[in-house]
Amino acid sequence: MSIQPRTRIAALATLLLTVMLPHGEARADEPNPQVKVTTNLGEFVIEVRQDRSPLTAANFLRYVREGFYSGTVIHRVVANFVIQGGGHDATSYALKAAHENVVNESGNGLQNKRGAVGMARGDAPHSGNAQFYVNLVDNADLDPVSTRWGYTVFGRIVQGMEVIDHIGETPTGSIGPFKSDAPLKPVIIQKMEIVAAGATSSAPVVTPVQPPRQDTILSPK
């Protein structure tokens, strides 16, 4: 399965999602929550845009509250493109069972800019669930156009982009069930936790980067 943007095939891994939470839908005037991600290579913080991606944000926060991401890996790293993880067990590399799929919200106006966090999925537009990715560069090919769905952006990195860049530079290859693009030294998500909204700076990430590769193929796993 894959989605074929105009300049490259860019498919992100299959996920499943839920749209209902016991806490109900967020009000428009509520501050966006932040999630601190602790890995064996450092920490970063995601501002979860429940104001623009309410279903996807609720789905992601549910997994965080359940502790689903503890002991999972960043299983895909493509330089000058994205890092992706949150679905495979760090010990066995087995794909963890996820909740039902989430509705695609890629038309929410948020773009796949550097530092934006999105919902990974397969060919089907509404096939996302637990896995997420972080854009290492601006990836306009992942945004929706009139002829196809895009990939839903539901957050952004507000702290620790240097950790994301470090992960994006890790050597990759074939390991376990992954034929390519997998970190040869596991990048482990040790835990995720919701922190107070606005606890960290929400200034946009502004860092000079290299232009994206145009020949990257990212198939779902």
C-alpha atoms as a PDB file:
ATOM      1  CA  MET A   1       0.000   0.000   0.000  1.00  0.00           C
ATOM      2  CA  SER A   2       1.245   3.505  -0.744  1.00  0.00           C
ATOM      3  CA  ILE A   3       0.197   7.030  -1.507  1.00  0.00           C
ATOM      4  CA  GLN A   4       1.851   8.667  -4.484  1.00  0.00           C
ATOM      5  CA  PRO A   5       2.424  12.425  -4.116  1.00  0.00           C
ATOM      6  CA  ARG A   6       3.607  14.309  -7.161  1.00  0.00           C
ATOM      7  CA  THR A   7       7.333  14.198  -6.390  1.00  0.00           C
ATOM      8  CA  ARG A   8       7.739  10.915  -4.532  1.00  0.00           C
ATOM      9  CA  ILE A   9       5.956   7.880  -3.112  1.00  0.00           C
ATOM     10  CA  ALA A  10       5.441   8.739   0.546  1.00  0.00           C
ATOM     11  CA  ALA A  11       3.477   6.162   2.479  1.00  0.00           C
ATOM     12  CA  LEU A  12       3.581   5.962   6.255  1.00  0.00           C
ATOM     13  CA  ALA A  13       2.851   2.934   8.401  1.00  0.00           C
ATOM     14  CA  THR A  14      -0.631   1.490   9.005  1.00  0.00           C
ATOM     15  CA  LEU A  15      -2.351   2.419  12.260  1.00  0.00           C
ATOM     16  CA  LEU A  16      -5.792   2.107  13.882  1.00  0.00           C
ATOM     17  CA  LEU A  17      -7.587   4.735  15.917  1.00  0.00           C
ATOM     18  CA  THR A  18     -10.342   5.744  18.293  1.00  0.00           C
ATOM     19  CA  VAL A  19     -12.418   8.924  18.223  1.00  0.00           C
ATOM     20  CA  MET A  20     -14.149   8.698  21.598  1.00  0.00           C
ATOM     21  CA  LEU A  21     -12.604   9.572  24.948  1.00  0.00           C
ATOM     22  CA  PRO A  22     -14.144   9.511  28.417  1.00  0.00           C
ATOM     23  CA  HIS A  23     -13.145  13.138  28.824  1.00  0.00           C
ATOM     24  CA  GLY A  24     -15.301  14.244  25.888  1.00  0.00           C
ATOM     25  CA  GLU A  25     -14.376  16.699  23.168  1.00  0.00           C
ATOM     26  CA  ALA A  26     -12.126  19.642  23.951  1.00  0.00           C
ATOM     27  CA  ARG A  27     -13.562  23.145  23.943  1.00  0.00           C
ATOM     28  CA  ALA A  28     -12.113  25.597  21.441  1.00  0.00           C
ATOM     29  CA  ASP A  29     -10.981  27.906  24.259  1.00  0.00           C
ATOM     30  CA  GLU A  30      -9.048  25.206  26.134  1.00  0.00           C
ATOM     31  CA  PRO A  31      -5.245  25.400  25.940  1.00  0.00           C
ATOM     32  CA  ASN A  32      -3.585  22.691  23.896  1.00  0.00           C
ATOM     33  CA  PRO A  33      -1.997  19.948  26.044  1.00  0.00           C
ATOM     34  CA  GLN A  34       1.656  19.059  25.748  1.00  0.00           C
ATOM     35  CA  VAL A  35       3.211  15.602  25.830  1.00  0.00           C
ATOM     36  CA  LYS A  36       6.786  14.971  26.973  1.00  0.00           C
ATOM     37  CA  VAL A  37       8.427  12.070  25.173  1.00  0.00           C
ATOM     38  CA  THR A  38      11.385  10.435  26.920  1.00  0.00           C
ATOM     39  CA  THR A  39      13.695   8.336  24.739  1.00  0.00           C
ATOM     40  CA  ASN A  40      17.083   6.746  25.268  1.00  0.00           C
ATOM     41  CA  LEU A  41      18.517   9.583  23.167  1.00  0.00           C
ATOM     42  CA  GLY A  42      16.854  12.439  25.034  1.00  0.00           C
ATOM     43  CA  GLU A  43      13.513  14.185  25.520  1.00  0.00           C
ATOM     44  CA  PHE A  44      11.239  16.247  23.323  1.00  0.00           C
ATOM     45  CA  VAL A  45       7.847  17.870  23.866  1.00  0.00           C
ATOM     46  CA  ILE A  46       4.848  17.805  21.514  1.00  0.00           C
ATOM     47  CA  GLU A  47       2.118  20.439  21.601  1.00  0.00           C
ATOM     48  CA  VAL A  48      -1.027  18.487  20.687  1.00  0.00           C
ATOM     49  CA  ARG A  49      -3.279  20.628  18.469  1.00  0.00           C
ATOM     50  CA  GLN A  50      -6.684  19.569  19.747  1.00  0.00           C
ATOM     51  CA  ASP A  51      -7.968  22.942  18.543  1.00  0.00           C
ATOM     52  CA  ARG A  52      -7.332  21.962  14.905  1.00  0.00           C
ATOM     53  CA  SER A  53      -7.274  18.142  14.946  1.00  0.00           C
ATOM     54  CA  PRO A  54      -9.731  17.198  17.715  1.00  0.00           C
ATOM     55  CA  LEU A  55     -10.290  13.544  16.724  1.00  0.00           C
ATOM     56  CA  THR A  56      -6.643  12.770  16.049  1.00  0.00           C
ATOM     57  CA  ALA A  57      -5.525  14.628  19.182  1.00  0.00           C
ATOM     58  CA  ALA A  58      -8.033  12.730  21.339  1.00  0.00           C
ATOM     59  CA  ASN A  59      -6.836   9.461  19.852  1.00  0.00           C
ATOM     60  CA  PHE A  60      -3.163  10.258  20.503  1.00  0.00           C
ATOM     61  CA  LEU A  61      -3.806  11.426  24.067  1.00  0.00           C
ATOM     62  CA  ARG A  62      -5.740   8.237  24.787  1.00  0.00           C
ATOM     63  CA  TYR A  63      -2.722   6.138  23.865  1.00  0.00           C
ATOM     64  CA  VAL A  64      -0.501   8.385  26.007  1.00  0.00           C
ATOM     65  CA  ARG A  65      -2.806   8.017  29.032  1.00  0.00           C
ATOM     66  CA  GLU A  66      -2.902   4.245  28.571  1.00  0.00           C
ATOM     67  CA  GLY A  67       0.895   4.010  28.557  1.00  0.00           C
ATOM     68  CA  PHE A  68       0.744   2.426  25.107  1.00  0.00           C
ATOM     69  CA  TYR A  69       3.933   4.085  23.866  1.00  0.00           C
ATOM     70  CA  SER A  70       6.175   2.979  26.752  1.00  0.00           C
ATOM     71  CA  GLY A  71       8.691   0.462  25.448  1.00  0.00           C
ATOM     72  CA  THR A  72       8.080   1.106  21.752  1.00  0.00           C
ATOM     73  CA  VAL A  73      10.649   2.132  19.158  1.00  0.00           C
ATOM     74  CA  ILE A  74      11.265   4.735  16.512  1.00  0.00           C
ATOM     75  CA  HIS A  75      11.374   2.079  13.804  1.00  0.00           C
ATOM     76  CA  ARG A  76      11.902   4.266  10.743  1.00  0.00           C
ATOM     77  CA  VAL A  77      14.314   7.110  10.103  1.00  0.00           C
ATOM     78  CA  VAL A  78      14.639   8.686   6.661  1.00  0.00           C
ATOM     79  CA  ALA A  79      17.163  11.538   6.533  1.00  0.00           C
ATOM     80  CA  ASN A  80      15.748  14.849   5.269  1.00  0.00           C
ATOM     81  CA  PHE A  81      12.229  13.429   5.504  1.00  0.00           C
ATOM     82  CA  VAL A  82      10.720  11.990   8.725  1.00  0.00           C
ATOM     83  CA  ILE A  83      11.214   9.830  11.784  1.00  0.00           C
ATOM     84  CA  GLN A  84       8.368   7.439  12.614  1.00  0.00           C
ATOM     85  CA  GLY A  85       7.449   5.218  15.542  1.00  0.00           C
ATOM     86  CA  GLY A  86       5.051   4.423  18.329  1.00  0.00           C
ATOM     87  CA  GLY A  87       3.697   1.074  17.155  1.00  0.00           C
ATOM     88  CA  HIS A  88       6.357  -1.637  17.491  1.00  0.00           C
ATOM     89  CA  ASP A  89       7.533  -3.257  20.720  1.00  0.00           C
ATOM     90  CA  ALA A  90      11.149  -2.405  21.541  1.00  0.00           C
ATOM     91  CA  THR A  91      12.053  -5.973  22.541  1.00  0.00           C
ATOM     92  CA  SER A  92      10.350  -8.122  19.920  1.00  0.00           C
ATOM     93  CA  TYR A  93       9.652  -5.490  17.225  1.00  0.00           C
ATOM     94  CA  ALA A  94       6.151  -6.943  17.065  1.00  0.00           C
ATOM     95  CA  LEU A  95       3.373  -4.567  16.037  1.00  0.00           C
ATOM     96  CA  LYS A  96       1.232  -3.766  19.080  1.00  0.00           C
ATOM     97  CA  ALA A  97      -2.536  -4.148  18.931  1.00  0.00           C
ATOM     98  CA  ALA A  98      -4.182  -0.751  18.536  1.00  0.00           C
ATOM     99  CA  HIS A  99      -7.642   0.764  18.832  1.00  0.00           C
ATOM    100  CA  GLU A 100      -9.969   1.413  15.915  1.00  0.00           C
ATOM    101  CA  ASN A 101      -8.896   3.743  13.098  1.00  0.00           C
ATOM    102  CA  VAL A 102      -9.278   7.491  13.248  1.00  0.00           C
ATOM    103  CA  VAL A 103     -10.943   9.806  10.746  1.00  0.00           C
ATOM    104  CA  ASN A 104      -8.481  11.626   8.471  1.00  0.00           C
ATOM    105  CA  GLU A 105      -8.308  15.321   9.442  1.00  0.00           C
ATOM    106  CA  SER A 106      -5.640  16.384   6.953  1.00  0.00           C
ATOM    107  CA  GLY A 107      -7.859  19.240   5.726  1.00  0.00           C
ATOM    108  CA  ASN A 108      -7.481  21.096   9.034  1.00  0.00           C
ATOM    109  CA  GLY A 109      -5.113  23.719   7.621  1.00  0.00           C
ATOM    110  CA  LEU A 110      -2.026  22.452   9.470  1.00  0.00           C
ATOM    111  CA  GLN A 111       0.894  21.700   7.169  1.00  0.00           C
ATOM    112  CA  ASN A 112       3.683  19.148   7.210  1.00  0.00           C
ATOM    113  CA  LYS A 113       6.364  21.681   8.043  1.00  0.00           C
ATOM    114  CA  ARG A 114       9.635  20.949   9.822  1.00  0.00           C
ATOM    115  CA  GLY A 115       8.829  19.992  13.404  1.00  0.00           C
ATOM    116  CA  ALA A 116       5.177  19.162  12.673  1.00  0.00           C
ATOM    117  CA  VAL A 117       3.901  15.881  14.125  1.00  0.00           C
ATOM    118  CA  GLY A 118       1.535  13.783  12.028  1.00  0.00           C
ATOM    119  CA  MET A 119      -0.501  10.574  12.061  1.00  0.00           C
ATOM    120  CA  ALA A 120       1.066   7.746  10.077  1.00  0.00           C
ATOM    121  CA  ARG A 121      -1.214   5.609   7.920  1.00  0.00           C
ATOM    122  CA  GLY A 122      -1.344   3.276   4.938  1.00  0.00           C
ATOM    123  CA  ASP A 123      -3.025   3.697   1.557  1.00  0.00           C
ATOM    124  CA  ALA A 124      -6.525   4.058   2.979  1.00  0.00           C
ATOM    125  CA  PRO A 125      -7.079   7.683   4.068  1.00  0.00           C
ATOM    126  CA  HIS A 126      -8.736   6.731   7.358  1.00  0.00           C
ATOM    127  CA  SER A 127      -6.278   3.978   8.375  1.00  0.00           C
ATOM    128  CA  GLY A 128      -4.284   5.835  11.050  1.00  0.00           C
ATOM    129  CA  ASN A 129      -4.219   4.773  14.710  1.00  0.00           C
ATOM    130  CA  ALA A 130      -1.194   4.860  17.042  1.00  0.00           C
ATOM    131  CA  GLN A 131       1.952   5.455  14.997  1.00  0.00           C
ATOM    132  CA  PHE A 132       3.111   9.003  14.480  1.00  0.00           C
ATOM    133  CA  TYR A 133       5.875  10.761  12.585  1.00  0.00           C
ATOM    134  CA  VAL A 134       7.852  13.985  12.945  1.00  0.00           C
ATOM    135  CA  ASN A 135       8.845  16.007   9.884  1.00  0.00           C
ATOM    136  CA  LEU A 136      12.593  16.644   9.708  1.00  0.00           C
ATOM    137  CA  VAL A 137      12.051  19.154   6.887  1.00  0.00           C
ATOM    138  CA  ASP A 138       9.103  20.791   5.152  1.00  0.00           C
ATOM    139  CA  ASN A 139       7.184  17.988   3.395  1.00  0.00           C
ATOM    140  CA  ALA A 140       4.481  19.600   1.275  1.00  0.00           C
ATOM    141  CA  ASP A 141       3.964  16.279  -0.549  1.00  0.00           C
ATOM    142  CA  LEU A 142       2.274  14.946   2.584  1.00  0.00           C
ATOM    143  CA  ASP A 143      -0.319  17.733   2.622  1.00  0.00           C
ATOM    144  CA  PRO A 144      -3.730  17.206   0.989  1.00  0.00           C
ATOM    145  CA  VAL A 145      -4.592  18.450  -2.487  1.00  0.00           C
ATOM    146  CA  SER A 146      -7.870  18.453  -4.378  1.00  0.00           C
ATOM    147  CA  THR A 147      -7.164  15.030  -5.916  1.00  0.00           C
ATOM    148  CA  ARG A 148      -6.071  13.074  -2.819  1.00  0.00           C
ATOM    149  CA  TRP A 149      -6.049  12.936   0.968  1.00  0.00           C
ATOM    150  CA  GLY A 150      -3.011  14.044   2.912  1.00  0.00           C
ATOM    151  CA  TYR A 151      -1.476  13.001   6.214  1.00  0.00           C
ATOM    152  CA  THR A 152      -3.031  14.578   9.309  1.00  0.00           C
ATOM    153  CA  VAL A 153      -0.846  16.990  11.264  1.00  0.00           C
ATOM    154  CA  PHE A 154      -1.974  17.024  14.900  1.00  0.00           C
ATOM    155  CA  GLY A 155       0.942  18.568  16.753  1.00  0.00           C
ATOM    156  CA  ARG A 156       4.310  20.255  16.672  1.00  0.00           C
ATOM    157  CA  ILE A 157       7.619  20.000  18.508  1.00  0.00           C
ATOM    158  CA  VAL A 158       7.942  22.880  20.976  1.00  0.00           C
ATOM    159  CA  GLN A 159      11.011  21.618  22.824  1.00  0.00           C
ATOM    160  CA  GLY A 160      13.828  19.216  21.985  1.00  0.00           C
ATOM    161  CA  MET A 161      14.026  19.565  18.198  1.00  0.00           C
ATOM    162  CA  GLU A 162      17.740  18.937  18.562  1.00  0.00           C
ATOM    163  CA  VAL A 163      16.857  15.456  19.868  1.00  0.00           C
ATOM    164  CA  ILE A 164      14.630  14.871  16.824  1.00  0.00           C
ATOM    165  CA  ASP A 165      17.506  15.937  14.540  1.00  0.00           C
ATOM    166  CA  HIS A 166      19.883  13.617  16.399  1.00  0.00           C
ATOM    167  CA  ILE A 167      17.495  10.707  15.907  1.00  0.00           C
ATOM    168  CA  GLY A 168      17.198  11.714  12.247  1.00  0.00           C
ATOM    169  CA  GLU A 169      20.959  11.263  11.826  1.00  0.00           C
ATOM    170  CA  THR A 170      21.181   7.774  13.348  1.00  0.00           C
ATOM    171  CA  PRO A 171      22.612   5.039  11.065  1.00  0.00           C
ATOM    172  CA  THR A 172      19.899   2.849   9.556  1.00  0.00           C
ATOM    173  CA  GLY A 173      19.550  -0.403   7.696  1.00  0.00           C
ATOM    174  CA  SER A 174      17.860  -3.784   7.926  1.00  0.00           C
ATOM    175  CA  ILE A 175      17.039  -5.113  11.366  1.00  0.00           C
ATOM    176  CA  GLY A 176      14.415  -7.565  12.611  1.00  0.00           C
ATOM    177  CA  PRO A 177      11.293  -7.372  10.424  1.00  0.00           C
ATOM    178  CA  PHE A 178      12.374  -4.082   8.819  1.00  0.00           C
ATOM    179  CA  LYS A 179      14.136  -4.350   5.478  1.00  0.00           C
ATOM    180  CA  SER A 180      15.419  -0.780   5.488  1.00  0.00           C
ATOM    181  CA  ASP A 181      15.384   2.598   7.270  1.00  0.00           C
ATOM    182  CA  ALA A 182      15.429   1.062  10.774  1.00  0.00           C
ATOM    183  CA  PRO A 183      17.907   2.463  13.331  1.00  0.00           C
ATOM    184  CA  LEU A 184      20.701  -0.080  13.759  1.00  0.00           C
ATOM    185  CA  LYS A 185      20.941   0.946  17.422  1.00  0.00           C
ATOM    186  CA  PRO A 186      17.369   0.936  18.797  1.00  0.00           C
ATOM    187  CA  VAL A 187      15.815   4.306  19.535  1.00  0.00           C
ATOM    188  CA  ILE A 188      13.453   3.467  22.389  1.00  0.00           C
ATOM    189  CA  ILE A 189      10.483   5.502  23.593  1.00  0.00           C
ATOM    190  CA  GLN A 190      10.749   4.923  27.321  1.00  0.00           C
ATOM    191  CA  LYS A 191       7.614   6.833  28.282  1.00  0.00           C
ATOM    192  CA  MET A 192       5.215   9.594  27.315  1.00  0.00           C
ATOM    193  CA  GLU A 193       3.419  11.824  29.775  1.00  0.00           C
ATOM    194  CA  ILE A 194       1.001  14.725  29.528  1.00  0.00           C
ATOM    195  CA  VAL A 195       2.450  17.905  31.009  1.00  0.00           C
ATOM    196  CA  ALA A 196       0.766  21.205  31.815  1.00  0.00           C
ATOM    197  CA  ALA A 197      -0.413  23.102  28.756  1.00  0.00           C
ATOM    198  CA  GLY A 198       1.918  25.979  27.997  1.00  0.00           C
ATOM    199  CA  ALA A 199       4.617  24.602  30.291  1.00  0.00           C
ATOM    200  CA  THR A 200       7.212  24.960  27.550  1.00  0.00           C
ATOM    201  CA  SER A 201       7.833  27.486  24.830  1.00  0.00           C
ATOM    202  CA  SER A 202       5.451  27.256  21.888  1.00  0.00           C
ATOM    203  CA  ALA A 203       7.665  29.270  19.568  1.00  0.00           C
ATOM    204  CA  PRO A 204       7.954  27.671  16.126  1.00  0.00           C
ATOM    205  CA  VAL A 205      11.088  25.728  15.283  1.00  0.00           C
ATOM    206  CA  VAL A 206      13.357  27.811  13.041  1.00  0.00           C
ATOM    207  CA  THR A 207      16.546  25.993  12.064  1.00  0.00           C
ATOM    208  CA  PRO A 208      18.398  25.939   8.705  1.00  0.00           C
ATOM    209  CA  VAL A 209      18.023  22.518   7.099  1.00  0.00           C
ATOM    210  CA  GLN A 210      19.079  20.730   3.961  1.00  0.00           C
ATOM    211  CA  PRO A 211      16.468  20.451   1.152  1.00  0.00           C
ATOM    212  CA  PRO A 212      14.414  17.231   1.210  1.00  0.00           C
ATOM    213  CA  ARG A 213      15.425  14.262  -0.888  1.00  0.00           C
ATOM    214  CA  GLN A 214      13.162  13.799  -3.871  1.00  0.00           C
ATOM    215  CA  ASP A 215      13.780  10.066  -4.357  1.00  0.00           C
ATOM    216  CA  THR A 216      12.686   8.802  -0.957  1.00  0.00           C
ATOM    217  CA  ILE A 217      10.321   5.853  -0.850  1.00  0.00           C
ATOM    218  CA  LEU A 218       8.626   5.235   2.476  1.00  0.00           C
ATOM    219  CA  SER A 219       6.443   2.138   2.401  1.00  0.00           C
ATOM    220  CA  PRO A 220       4.073   1.219   5.223  1.00  0.00           C
ATOM    221  CA  LYS A 221       5.266  -1.334   7.768  1.00  0.00           C
END
